[in-house]
Amino acid sequence: NLLSHLNLHMDVAVYRGKVVKPEVVGFFETTNFTRFSAGIG
């Protein structure tokens, strides 16, 4: 809304992590991270 300067949005974000210390994380090779979000600004 350009008059009130308020902003509403929805997002999907994806990225991957490779395990470099399985003794810390557990016996995983990789993990896919997926985020679903909504916000006001």
Full PDB file with SEQRES, HELIX, SHEET, SSBOND, CRYST1, ORIGX, SCALE, CONECT and MASTER records, all heavy atoms in Angstrom:
SEQRES   1 A   41  ASN LEU LEU SER HIS LEU ASN LEU HIS MET ASP VAL ALA          
SEQRES   2 A   41  VAL TYR ARG GLY LYS VAL VAL LYS PRO GLU VAL VAL GLY          
SEQRES   3 A   41  PHE PHE GLU THR THR ASN PHE THR ARG PHE SER ALA GLY          
SEQRES   4 A   41  ILE GLY                                                      
HELIX    1 AA1 PRO A   22  VAL A   25  1                                   4    
SHEET    1 AA1 2 LEU A   8  LYS A  18  0                                        
SHEET    2 AA1 2 THR A  30  ILE A  40 -1                                        
CRYST1    1.000    1.000    1.000  90.00  90.00  90.00 P 1           1          
ORIGX1      1.000000  0.000000  0.000000        0.00000                         
ORIGX2      0.000000  1.000000  0.000000        0.00000                         
ORIGX3      0.000000  0.000000  1.000000        0.00000                         
SCALE1      1.000000  0.000000  0.000000        0.00000                         
SCALE2      0.000000  1.000000  0.000000        0.00000                         
SCALE3      0.000000  0.000000  1.000000        0.00000                         
ATOM      1  N   ASN A   1       0.862  -1.173   0.000  1.00  0.00           N  
ATOM      2  CA  ASN A   1       0.000   0.000   0.000  1.00  0.00           C  
ATOM      3  C   ASN A   1       0.902   1.227   0.000  1.00  0.00           C  
ATOM      4  O   ASN A   1       1.609   1.497   0.969  1.00  0.00           O  
ATOM      5  CB  ASN A   1      -0.916  -0.004   1.231  1.00  0.00           C  
ATOM      6  CG  ASN A   1      -1.932   1.111   1.190  1.00  0.00           C  
ATOM      7  OD1 ASN A   1      -1.590   2.276   1.050  1.00  0.00           O  
ATOM      8  ND2 ASN A   1      -3.195   0.755   1.318  1.00  0.00           N  
ATOM      9  N   LEU A   2       0.882   1.974  -1.101  1.00  0.00           N  
ATOM     10  CA  LEU A   2       1.822   3.078  -1.267  1.00  0.00           C  
ATOM     11  C   LEU A   2       1.483   4.284  -0.407  1.00  0.00           C  
ATOM     12  O   LEU A   2       2.332   5.155  -0.211  1.00  0.00           O  
ATOM     13  CB  LEU A   2       1.873   3.486  -2.749  1.00  0.00           C  
ATOM     14  CG  LEU A   2       2.284   2.371  -3.722  1.00  0.00           C  
ATOM     15  CD1 LEU A   2       2.206   2.856  -5.153  1.00  0.00           C  
ATOM     16  CD2 LEU A   2       3.675   1.867  -3.391  1.00  0.00           C  
ATOM     17  N   LEU A   3       0.260   4.348   0.101  1.00  0.00           N  
ATOM     18  CA  LEU A   3      -0.127   5.477   0.947  1.00  0.00           C  
ATOM     19  C   LEU A   3       0.296   5.254   2.401  1.00  0.00           C  
ATOM     20  O   LEU A   3       0.837   6.148   3.047  1.00  0.00           O  
ATOM     21  CB  LEU A   3      -1.640   5.706   0.860  1.00  0.00           C  
ATOM     22  CG  LEU A   3      -2.182   6.100  -0.523  1.00  0.00           C  
ATOM     23  CD1 LEU A   3      -3.682   6.296  -0.458  1.00  0.00           C  
ATOM     24  CD2 LEU A   3      -1.490   7.367  -1.027  1.00  0.00           C  
ATOM     25  N   SER A   4       0.041   4.036   2.912  1.00  0.00           N  
ATOM     26  CA  SER A   4       0.400   3.737   4.301  1.00  0.00           C  
ATOM     27  C   SER A   4       1.814   3.189   4.430  1.00  0.00           C  
ATOM     28  O   SER A   4       2.329   3.062   5.532  1.00  0.00           O  
ATOM     29  CB  SER A   4      -0.585   2.724   4.888  1.00  0.00           C  
ATOM     30  OG  SER A   4      -0.484   1.485   4.217  1.00  0.00           O  
ATOM     31  N   HIS A   5       2.434   2.823   3.284  1.00  0.00           N  
ATOM     32  CA  HIS A   5       3.791   2.251   3.244  1.00  0.00           C  
ATOM     33  C   HIS A   5       3.864   0.858   3.876  1.00  0.00           C  
ATOM     34  O   HIS A   5       4.950   0.390   4.196  1.00  0.00           O  
ATOM     35  CB  HIS A   5       4.805   3.174   3.920  1.00  0.00           C  
ATOM     36  CG  HIS A   5       4.859   4.547   3.326  1.00  0.00           C  
ATOM     37  ND1 HIS A   5       5.412   4.800   2.093  1.00  0.00           N  
ATOM     38  CD2 HIS A   5       4.398   5.737   3.796  1.00  0.00           C  
ATOM     39  CE1 HIS A   5       5.313   6.089   1.828  1.00  0.00           C  
ATOM     40  NE2 HIS A   5       4.703   6.679   2.833  1.00  0.00           N  
ATOM     41  N   LEU A   6       2.708   0.213   4.054  1.00  0.00           N  
ATOM     42  CA  LEU A   6       2.703  -1.143   4.599  1.00  0.00           C  
ATOM     43  C   LEU A   6       2.913  -2.154   3.473  1.00  0.00           C  
ATOM     44  O   LEU A   6       2.463  -1.962   2.349  1.00  0.00           O  
ATOM     45  CB  LEU A   6       1.394  -1.429   5.323  1.00  0.00           C  
ATOM     46  CG  LEU A   6       1.184  -0.705   6.653  1.00  0.00           C  
ATOM     47  CD1 LEU A   6      -0.172  -1.069   7.242  1.00  0.00           C  
ATOM     48  CD2 LEU A   6       2.297  -1.034   7.639  1.00  0.00           C  
ATOM     49  N   ASN A   7       3.579  -3.261   3.816  1.00  0.00           N  
ATOM     50  CA  ASN A   7       3.925  -4.282   2.840  1.00  0.00           C  
ATOM     51  C   ASN A   7       3.588  -5.649   3.404  1.00  0.00           C  
ATOM     52  O   ASN A   7       3.968  -5.967   4.533  1.00  0.00           O  
ATOM     53  CB  ASN A   7       5.420  -4.174   2.512  1.00  0.00           C  
ATOM     54  CG  ASN A   7       5.868  -5.160   1.462  1.00  0.00           C  
ATOM     55  OD1 ASN A   7       5.856  -6.364   1.679  1.00  0.00           O  
ATOM     56  ND2 ASN A   7       6.288  -4.642   0.320  1.00  0.00           N  
ATOM     57  N   LEU A   8       2.874  -6.462   2.629  1.00  0.00           N  
ATOM     58  CA  LEU A   8       2.560  -7.837   3.006  1.00  0.00           C  
ATOM     59  C   LEU A   8       3.226  -8.780   2.006  1.00  0.00           C  
ATOM     60  O   LEU A   8       3.269  -8.473   0.807  1.00  0.00           O  
ATOM     61  CB  LEU A   8       1.051  -8.084   3.002  1.00  0.00           C  
ATOM     62  CG  LEU A   8       0.208  -7.198   3.914  1.00  0.00           C  
ATOM     63  CD1 LEU A   8      -1.276  -7.475   3.693  1.00  0.00           C  
ATOM     64  CD2 LEU A   8       0.566  -7.415   5.377  1.00  0.00           C  
ATOM     65  N   HIS A   9       3.727  -9.909   2.486  1.00  0.00           N  
ATOM     66  CA  HIS A   9       4.359 -10.811   1.536  1.00  0.00           C  
ATOM     67  C   HIS A   9       4.352 -12.254   2.014  1.00  0.00           C  
ATOM     68  O   HIS A   9       4.171 -12.547   3.196  1.00  0.00           O  
ATOM     69  CB  HIS A   9       5.802 -10.372   1.250  1.00  0.00           C  
ATOM     70  CG  HIS A   9       6.765 -10.681   2.354  1.00  0.00           C  
ATOM     71  ND1 HIS A   9       7.479 -11.852   2.407  1.00  0.00           N  
ATOM     72  CD2 HIS A   9       7.123  -9.979   3.445  1.00  0.00           C  
ATOM     73  CE1 HIS A   9       8.236 -11.856   3.489  1.00  0.00           C  
ATOM     74  NE2 HIS A   9       8.037 -10.739   4.138  1.00  0.00           N  
ATOM     75  N   MET A  10       4.541 -13.164   1.052  1.00  0.00           N  
ATOM     76  CA  MET A  10       4.715 -14.595   1.315  1.00  0.00           C  
ATOM     77  C   MET A  10       5.944 -15.060   0.536  1.00  0.00           C  
ATOM     78  O   MET A  10       6.179 -14.604  -0.587  1.00  0.00           O  
ATOM     79  CB  MET A  10       3.476 -15.385   0.873  1.00  0.00           C  
ATOM     80  CG  MET A  10       2.221 -15.059   1.645  1.00  0.00           C  
ATOM     81  SD  MET A  10       0.820 -16.110   1.134  1.00  0.00           S  
ATOM     82  CE  MET A  10       0.623 -15.578  -0.567  1.00  0.00           C  
ATOM     83  N   ASP A  11       6.723 -15.957   1.146  1.00  0.00           N  
ATOM     84  CA  ASP A  11       7.969 -16.407   0.530  1.00  0.00           C  
ATOM     85  C   ASP A  11       8.162 -17.910   0.705  1.00  0.00           C  
ATOM     86  O   ASP A  11       7.697 -18.496   1.689  1.00  0.00           O  
ATOM     87  CB  ASP A  11       9.180 -15.710   1.169  1.00  0.00           C  
ATOM     88  CG  ASP A  11       9.239 -14.234   0.840  1.00  0.00           C  
ATOM     89  OD1 ASP A  11       9.641 -13.905  -0.281  1.00  0.00           O  
ATOM     90  OD2 ASP A  11       8.888 -13.434   1.710  1.00  0.00           O  
ATOM     91  N   VAL A  12       8.909 -18.496  -0.222  1.00  0.00           N  
ATOM     92  CA  VAL A  12       9.427 -19.843  -0.097  1.00  0.00           C  
ATOM     93  C   VAL A  12      10.923 -19.779  -0.386  1.00  0.00           C  
ATOM     94  O   VAL A  12      11.332 -19.235  -1.421  1.00  0.00           O  
ATOM     95  CB  VAL A  12       8.759 -20.833  -1.071  1.00  0.00           C  
ATOM     96  CG1 VAL A  12       9.381 -22.211  -0.928  1.00  0.00           C  
ATOM     97  CG2 VAL A  12       7.266 -20.896  -0.831  1.00  0.00           C  
ATOM     98  N   ALA A  13      11.745 -20.302   0.528  1.00  0.00           N  
ATOM     99  CA  ALA A  13      13.199 -20.292   0.352  1.00  0.00           C  
ATOM    100  C   ALA A  13      13.729 -21.710   0.507  1.00  0.00           C  
ATOM    101  O   ALA A  13      13.272 -22.462   1.378  1.00  0.00           O  
ATOM    102  CB  ALA A  13      13.866 -19.374   1.371  1.00  0.00           C  
ATOM    103  N   VAL A  14      14.674 -22.078  -0.346  1.00  0.00           N  
ATOM    104  CA  VAL A  14      15.278 -23.414  -0.279  1.00  0.00           C  
ATOM    105  C   VAL A  14      16.801 -23.292  -0.390  1.00  0.00           C  
ATOM    106  O   VAL A  14      17.310 -22.476  -1.149  1.00  0.00           O  
ATOM    107  CB  VAL A  14      14.741 -24.347  -1.393  1.00  0.00           C  
ATOM    108  CG1 VAL A  14      13.285 -24.670  -1.173  1.00  0.00           C  
ATOM    109  CG2 VAL A  14      14.943 -23.728  -2.771  1.00  0.00           C  
ATOM    110  N   TYR A  15      17.504 -24.094   0.397  1.00  0.00           N  
ATOM    111  CA  TYR A  15      18.952 -24.202   0.287  1.00  0.00           C  
ATOM    112  C   TYR A  15      19.381 -25.529   0.894  1.00  0.00           C  
ATOM    113  O   TYR A  15      18.572 -26.244   1.496  1.00  0.00           O  
ATOM    114  CB  TYR A  15      19.665 -23.020   0.960  1.00  0.00           C  
ATOM    115  CG  TYR A  15      19.315 -22.787   2.407  1.00  0.00           C  
ATOM    116  CD1 TYR A  15      20.055 -23.362   3.433  1.00  0.00           C  
ATOM    117  CD2 TYR A  15      18.245 -21.947   2.755  1.00  0.00           C  
ATOM    118  CE1 TYR A  15      19.747 -23.131   4.762  1.00  0.00           C  
ATOM    119  CE2 TYR A  15      17.926 -21.716   4.084  1.00  0.00           C  
ATOM    120  CZ  TYR A  15      18.678 -22.308   5.079  1.00  0.00           C  
ATOM    121  OH  TYR A  15      18.354 -22.077   6.398  1.00  0.00           O  
ATOM    122  N   ARG A  16      20.659 -25.859   0.741  1.00  0.00           N  
ATOM    123  CA  ARG A  16      21.156 -27.164   1.173  1.00  0.00           C  
ATOM    124  C   ARG A  16      22.370 -27.000   2.081  1.00  0.00           C  
ATOM    125  O   ARG A  16      23.134 -26.042   1.932  1.00  0.00           O  
ATOM    126  CB  ARG A  16      21.522 -28.024  -0.045  1.00  0.00           C  
ATOM    127  CG  ARG A  16      22.191 -29.348   0.292  1.00  0.00           C  
ATOM    128  CD  ARG A  16      22.443 -30.192  -0.919  1.00  0.00           C  
ATOM    129  NE  ARG A  16      21.200 -30.745  -1.445  1.00  0.00           N  
ATOM    130  CZ  ARG A  16      21.141 -31.716  -2.350  1.00  0.00           C  
ATOM    131  NH1 ARG A  16      22.255 -32.225  -2.850  1.00  0.00           N  
ATOM    132  NH2 ARG A  16      19.983 -32.174  -2.772  1.00  0.00           N  
ATOM    133  N   GLY A  17      22.528 -27.934   2.997  1.00  0.00           N  
ATOM    134  CA  GLY A  17      23.701 -27.969   3.845  1.00  0.00           C  
ATOM    135  C   GLY A  17      24.402 -29.305   3.750  1.00  0.00           C  
ATOM    136  O   GLY A  17      23.754 -30.363   3.761  1.00  0.00           O  
ATOM    137  N   LYS A  18      25.727 -29.281   3.639  1.00  0.00           N  
ATOM    138  CA  LYS A  18      26.523 -30.505   3.639  1.00  0.00           C  
ATOM    139  C   LYS A  18      27.126 -30.701   5.024  1.00  0.00           C  
ATOM    140  O   LYS A  18      27.719 -29.787   5.599  1.00  0.00           O  
ATOM    141  CB  LYS A  18      27.638 -30.415   2.591  1.00  0.00           C  
ATOM    142  CG  LYS A  18      28.510 -31.654   2.527  1.00  0.00           C  
ATOM    143  CD  LYS A  18      29.597 -31.520   1.467  1.00  0.00           C  
ATOM    144  CE  LYS A  18      30.465 -32.761   1.416  1.00  0.00           C  
ATOM    145  NZ  LYS A  18      31.543 -32.635   0.403  1.00  0.00           N  
ATOM    146  N   VAL A  19      26.961 -31.892   5.561  1.00  0.00           N  
ATOM    147  CA  VAL A  19      27.485 -32.185   6.894  1.00  0.00           C  
ATOM    148  C   VAL A  19      29.002 -32.336   6.820  1.00  0.00           C  
ATOM    149  O   VAL A  19      29.518 -33.134   6.039  1.00  0.00           O  
ATOM    150  CB  VAL A  19      26.851 -33.457   7.465  1.00  0.00           C  
ATOM    151  CG1 VAL A  19      27.497 -33.828   8.802  1.00  0.00           C  
ATOM    152  CG2 VAL A  19      25.351 -33.275   7.638  1.00  0.00           C  
ATOM    153  N   VAL A  20      29.706 -31.539   7.622  1.00  0.00           N  
ATOM    154  CA  VAL A  20      31.166 -31.620   7.665  1.00  0.00           C  
ATOM    155  C   VAL A  20      31.652 -32.226   8.978  1.00  0.00           C  
ATOM    156  O   VAL A  20      32.820 -32.631   9.081  1.00  0.00           O  
ATOM    157  CB  VAL A  20      31.794 -30.224   7.464  1.00  0.00           C  
ATOM    158  CG1 VAL A  20      31.545 -29.728   6.051  1.00  0.00           C  
ATOM    159  CG2 VAL A  20      31.266 -29.210   8.483  1.00  0.00           C  
ATOM    160  N   LYS A  21      30.777 -32.309   9.978  1.00  0.00           N  
ATOM    161  CA  LYS A  21      31.130 -32.941  11.250  1.00  0.00           C  
ATOM    162  C   LYS A  21      29.988 -33.855  11.691  1.00  0.00           C  
ATOM    163  O   LYS A  21      29.150 -33.475  12.512  1.00  0.00           O  
ATOM    164  CB  LYS A  21      31.407 -31.882  12.319  1.00  0.00           C  
ATOM    165  CG  LYS A  21      32.660 -31.057  12.061  1.00  0.00           C  
ATOM    166  CD  LYS A  21      32.933 -30.091  13.214  1.00  0.00           C  
ATOM    167  CE  LYS A  21      34.217 -29.315  12.987  1.00  0.00           C  
ATOM    168  NZ  LYS A  21      34.502 -28.370  14.096  1.00  0.00           N  
ATOM    169  N   PRO A  22      29.941 -35.088  11.164  1.00  0.00           N  
ATOM    170  CA  PRO A  22      28.852 -36.004  11.536  1.00  0.00           C  
ATOM    171  C   PRO A  22      28.844 -36.353  13.013  1.00  0.00           C  
ATOM    172  O   PRO A  22      27.800 -36.697  13.555  1.00  0.00           O  
ATOM    173  CB  PRO A  22      29.122 -37.242  10.661  1.00  0.00           C  
ATOM    174  CG  PRO A  22      30.549 -37.133  10.242  1.00  0.00           C  
ATOM    175  CD  PRO A  22      30.843 -35.670  10.159  1.00  0.00           C  
ATOM    176  N   GLU A  23      29.992 -36.244  13.679  1.00  0.00           N  
ATOM    177  CA  GLU A  23      30.020 -36.524  15.111  1.00  0.00           C  
ATOM    178  C   GLU A  23      29.245 -35.478  15.904  1.00  0.00           C  
ATOM    179  O   GLU A  23      28.829 -35.719  17.049  1.00  0.00           O  
ATOM    180  CB  GLU A  23      31.474 -36.597  15.623  1.00  0.00           C  
ATOM    181  CG  GLU A  23      32.242 -35.280  15.624  1.00  0.00           C  
ATOM    182  CD  GLU A  23      32.887 -34.958  14.276  1.00  0.00           C  
ATOM    183  OE1 GLU A  23      32.550 -35.622  13.269  1.00  0.00           O  
ATOM    184  OE2 GLU A  23      33.723 -34.040  14.244  1.00  0.00           O  
ATOM    185  N   VAL A  24      29.039 -34.299  15.299  1.00  0.00           N  
ATOM    186  CA  VAL A  24      28.268 -33.235  15.942  1.00  0.00           C  
ATOM    187  C   VAL A  24      26.799 -33.314  15.535  1.00  0.00           C  
ATOM    188  O   VAL A  24      25.898 -33.188  16.368  1.00  0.00           O  
ATOM    189  CB  VAL A  24      28.844 -31.848  15.575  1.00  0.00           C  
ATOM    190  CG1 VAL A  24      27.941 -30.735  16.096  1.00  0.00           C  
ATOM    191  CG2 VAL A  24      30.251 -31.701  16.135  1.00  0.00           C  
ATOM    192  N   VAL A  25      26.571 -33.525  14.250  1.00  0.00           N  
ATOM    193  CA  VAL A  25      25.220 -33.467  13.697  1.00  0.00           C  
ATOM    194  C   VAL A  25      24.496 -34.801  13.814  1.00  0.00           C  
ATOM    195  O   VAL A  25      23.296 -34.869  14.097  1.00  0.00           O  
ATOM    196  CB  VAL A  25      25.276 -33.031  12.215  1.00  0.00           C  
ATOM    197  CG1 VAL A  25      23.900 -33.079  11.580  1.00  0.00           C  
ATOM    198  CG2 VAL A  25      25.884 -31.637  12.110  1.00  0.00           C  
ATOM    199  N   GLY A  26      25.198 -35.860  13.576  1.00  0.00           N  
ATOM    200  CA  GLY A  26      24.581 -37.168  13.429  1.00  0.00           C  
ATOM    201  C   GLY A  26      25.002 -37.732  12.078  1.00  0.00           C  
ATOM    202  O   GLY A  26      25.690 -37.087  11.298  1.00  0.00           O  
ATOM    203  N   PHE A  27      24.597 -38.936  11.787  1.00  0.00           N  
ATOM    204  CA  PHE A  27      25.076 -39.597  10.577  1.00  0.00           C  
ATOM    205  C   PHE A  27      24.234 -39.208   9.368  1.00  0.00           C  
ATOM    206  O   PHE A  27      23.548 -40.029   8.763  1.00  0.00           O  
ATOM    207  CB  PHE A  27      25.102 -41.115  10.804  1.00  0.00           C  
ATOM    208  CG  PHE A  27      26.109 -41.506  11.841  1.00  0.00           C  
ATOM    209  CD1 PHE A  27      25.706 -41.883  13.113  1.00  0.00           C  
ATOM    210  CD2 PHE A  27      27.464 -41.460  11.558  1.00  0.00           C  
ATOM    211  CE1 PHE A  27      26.635 -42.231  14.078  1.00  0.00           C  
ATOM    212  CE2 PHE A  27      28.404 -41.815  12.516  1.00  0.00           C  
ATOM    213  CZ  PHE A  27      27.984 -42.191  13.784  1.00  0.00           C  
ATOM    214  N   PHE A  28      24.313 -37.916   9.024  1.00  0.00           N  
ATOM    215  CA  PHE A  28      23.663 -37.390   7.841  1.00  0.00           C  
ATOM    216  C   PHE A  28      24.727 -36.992   6.821  1.00  0.00           C  
ATOM    217  O   PHE A  28      25.832 -36.591   7.181  1.00  0.00           O  
ATOM    218  CB  PHE A  28      22.804 -36.162   8.159  1.00  0.00           C  
ATOM    219  CG  PHE A  28      21.722 -36.424   9.165  1.00  0.00           C  
ATOM    220  CD1 PHE A  28      21.435 -35.488  10.153  1.00  0.00           C  
ATOM    221  CD2 PHE A  28      20.980 -37.586   9.118  1.00  0.00           C  
ATOM    222  CE1 PHE A  28      20.439 -35.713  11.077  1.00  0.00           C  
ATOM    223  CE2 PHE A  28      19.971 -37.828  10.046  1.00  0.00           C  
ATOM    224  CZ  PHE A  28      19.704 -36.892  11.022  1.00  0.00           C  
ATOM    225  N   GLU A  29      24.353 -37.067   5.551  1.00  0.00           N  
ATOM    226  CA  GLU A  29      25.246 -36.634   4.476  1.00  0.00           C  
ATOM    227  C   GLU A  29      24.941 -35.203   4.064  1.00  0.00           C  
ATOM    228  O   GLU A  29      25.836 -34.358   3.976  1.00  0.00           O  
ATOM    229  CB  GLU A  29      25.113 -37.574   3.281  1.00  0.00           C  
ATOM    230  CG  GLU A  29      26.081 -37.264   2.153  1.00  0.00           C  
ATOM    231  CD  GLU A  29      25.985 -38.292   1.043  1.00  0.00           C  
ATOM    232  OE1 GLU A  29      25.133 -39.207   1.137  1.00  0.00           O  
ATOM    233  OE2 GLU A  29      26.748 -38.181   0.070  1.00  0.00           O  
ATOM    234  N   THR A  30      23.678 -34.935   3.802  1.00  0.00           N  
ATOM    235  CA  THR A  30      23.224 -33.580   3.443  1.00  0.00           C  
ATOM    236  C   THR A  30      21.863 -33.330   4.073  1.00  0.00           C  
ATOM    237  O   THR A  30      21.160 -34.276   4.477  1.00  0.00           O  
ATOM    238  CB  THR A  30      23.099 -33.398   1.914  1.00  0.00           C  
ATOM    239  OG1 THR A  30      22.141 -34.338   1.413  1.00  0.00           O  
ATOM    240  CG2 THR A  30      24.440 -33.582   1.219  1.00  0.00           C  
ATOM    241  N   THR A  31      21.501 -32.059   4.134  1.00  0.00           N  
ATOM    242  CA  THR A  31      20.173 -31.673   4.603  1.00  0.00           C  
ATOM    243  C   THR A  31      19.632 -30.586   3.681  1.00  0.00           C  
ATOM    244  O   THR A  31      20.329 -29.615   3.380  1.00  0.00           O  
ATOM    245  CB  THR A  31      20.215 -31.150   6.044  1.00  0.00           C  
ATOM    246  OG1 THR A  31      20.643 -32.197   6.924  1.00  0.00           O  
ATOM    247  CG2 THR A  31      18.838 -30.664   6.487  1.00  0.00           C  
ATOM    248  N   ASN A  32      18.399 -30.761   3.231  1.00  0.00           N  
ATOM    249  CA  ASN A  32      17.698 -29.722   2.475  1.00  0.00           C  
ATOM    250  C   ASN A  32      16.840 -28.898   3.426  1.00  0.00           C  
ATOM    251  O   ASN A  32      16.009 -29.460   4.150  1.00  0.00           O  
ATOM    252  CB  ASN A  32      16.815 -30.338   1.383  1.00  0.00           C  
ATOM    253  CG  ASN A  32      17.634 -30.997   0.293  1.00  0.00           C  
ATOM    254  OD1 ASN A  32      18.712 -30.536  -0.055  1.00  0.00           O  
ATOM    255  ND2 ASN A  32      17.131 -32.101  -0.245  1.00  0.00           N  
ATOM    256  N   PHE A  33      17.038 -27.587   3.408  1.00  0.00           N  
ATOM    257  CA  PHE A  33      16.278 -26.663   4.250  1.00  0.00           C  
ATOM    258  C   PHE A  33      15.222 -25.972   3.380  1.00  0.00           C  
ATOM    259  O   PHE A  33      15.554 -25.378   2.351  1.00  0.00           O  
ATOM    260  CB  PHE A  33      17.193 -25.604   4.857  1.00  0.00           C  
ATOM    261  CG  PHE A  33      18.247 -26.132   5.788  1.00  0.00           C  
ATOM    262  CD1 PHE A  33      19.414 -26.692   5.289  1.00  0.00           C  
ATOM    263  CD2 PHE A  33      18.078 -26.065   7.164  1.00  0.00           C  
ATOM    264  CE1 PHE A  33      20.408 -27.172   6.133  1.00  0.00           C  
ATOM    265  CE2 PHE A  33      19.059 -26.543   8.026  1.00  0.00           C  
ATOM    266  CZ  PHE A  33      20.215 -27.102   7.510  1.00  0.00           C  
ATOM    267  N   THR A  34      13.970 -26.039   3.810  1.00  0.00           N  
ATOM    268  CA  THR A  34      12.883 -25.363   3.102  1.00  0.00           C  
ATOM    269  C   THR A  34      12.124 -24.483   4.083  1.00  0.00           C  
ATOM    270  O   THR A  34      11.714 -24.946   5.143  1.00  0.00           O  
ATOM    271  CB  THR A  34      11.914 -26.363   2.457  1.00  0.00           C  
ATOM    272  OG1 THR A  34      12.651 -27.254   1.612  1.00  0.00           O  
ATOM    273  CG2 THR A  34      10.860 -25.650   1.629  1.00  0.00           C  
ATOM    274  N   ARG A  35      11.945 -23.214   3.702  1.00  0.00           N  
ATOM    275  CA  ARG A  35      11.255 -22.247   4.567  1.00  0.00           C  
ATOM    276  C   ARG A  35      10.010 -21.701   3.869  1.00  0.00           C  
ATOM    277  O   ARG A  35      10.088 -21.277   2.711  1.00  0.00           O  
ATOM    278  CB  ARG A  35      12.170 -21.083   4.931  1.00  0.00           C  
ATOM    279  CG  ARG A  35      13.407 -21.467   5.728  1.00  0.00           C  
ATOM    280  CD  ARG A  35      14.250 -20.229   6.037  1.00  0.00           C  
ATOM    281  NE  ARG A  35      15.446 -20.550   6.788  1.00  0.00           N  
ATOM    282  CZ  ARG A  35      15.511 -20.626   8.112  1.00  0.00           C  
ATOM    283  NH1 ARG A  35      14.411 -20.382   8.831  1.00  0.00           N  
ATOM    284  NH2 ARG A  35      16.625 -20.928   8.729  1.00  0.00           N  
ATOM    285  N   PHE A  36       8.892 -21.698   4.584  1.00  0.00           N  
ATOM    286  CA  PHE A  36       7.663 -21.052   4.126  1.00  0.00           C  
ATOM    287  C   PHE A  36       7.353 -19.928   5.111  1.00  0.00           C  
ATOM    288  O   PHE A  36       7.296 -20.182   6.325  1.00  0.00           O  
ATOM    289  CB  PHE A  36       6.497 -22.040   4.092  1.00  0.00           C  
ATOM    290  CG  PHE A  36       6.743 -23.262   3.256  1.00  0.00           C  
ATOM    291  CD1 PHE A  36       7.288 -24.408   3.822  1.00  0.00           C  
ATOM    292  CD2 PHE A  36       6.424 -23.275   1.909  1.00  0.00           C  
ATOM    293  CE1 PHE A  36       7.513 -25.545   3.069  1.00  0.00           C  
ATOM    294  CE2 PHE A  36       6.649 -24.407   1.140  1.00  0.00           C  
ATOM    295  CZ  PHE A  36       7.192 -25.547   1.726  1.00  0.00           C  
ATOM    296  N   SER A  37       7.160 -18.722   4.620  1.00  0.00           N  
ATOM    297  CA  SER A  37       6.968 -17.607   5.553  1.00  0.00           C  
ATOM    298  C   SER A  37       5.969 -16.587   5.023  1.00  0.00           C  
ATOM    299  O   SER A  37       5.711 -16.501   3.820  1.00  0.00           O  
ATOM    300  CB  SER A  37       8.302 -16.905   5.841  1.00  0.00           C  
ATOM    301  OG  SER A  37       8.802 -16.278   4.678  1.00  0.00           O  
ATOM    302  N   ALA A  38       5.429 -15.817   5.957  1.00  0.00           N  
ATOM    303  CA  ALA A  38       4.581 -14.666   5.650  1.00  0.00           C  
ATOM    304  C   ALA A  38       5.011 -13.541   6.580  1.00  0.00           C  
ATOM    305  O   ALA A  38       5.479 -13.784   7.700  1.00  0.00           O  
ATOM    306  CB  ALA A  38       3.104 -14.998   5.850  1.00  0.00           C  
ATOM    307  N   GLY A  39       4.860 -12.312   6.118  1.00  0.00           N  
ATOM    308  CA  GLY A  39       5.332 -11.201   6.942  1.00  0.00           C  
ATOM    309  C   GLY A  39       4.650  -9.889   6.629  1.00  0.00           C  
ATOM    310  O   GLY A  39       3.921  -9.754   5.637  1.00  0.00           O  
ATOM    311  N   ILE A  40       4.899  -8.924   7.490  1.00  0.00           N  
ATOM    312  CA  ILE A  40       4.400  -7.569   7.319  1.00  0.00           C  
ATOM    313  C   ILE A  40       5.564  -6.614   7.511  1.00  0.00           C  
ATOM    314  O   ILE A  40       6.412  -6.814   8.391  1.00  0.00           O  
ATOM    315  CB  ILE A  40       3.245  -7.255   8.304  1.00  0.00           C  
ATOM    316  CG1 ILE A  40       2.691  -5.851   8.047  1.00  0.00           C  
ATOM    317  CG2 ILE A  40       3.686  -7.424   9.763  1.00  0.00           C  
ATOM    318  CD1 ILE A  40       1.414  -5.577   8.805  1.00  0.00           C  
ATOM    319  N   GLY A  41       5.629  -5.604   6.676  1.00  0.00           N  
ATOM    320  CA  GLY A  41       6.749  -4.673   6.737  1.00  0.00           C  
ATOM    321  C   GLY A  41       6.319  -3.231   6.545  1.00  0.00           C  
ATOM    322  O   GLY A  41       5.164  -2.938   6.227  1.00  0.00           O  
TER     323      GLY A  41                                                      
MASTER        0    0    0    1    2    0    0    6  322    1    0    4          
END                                                                             
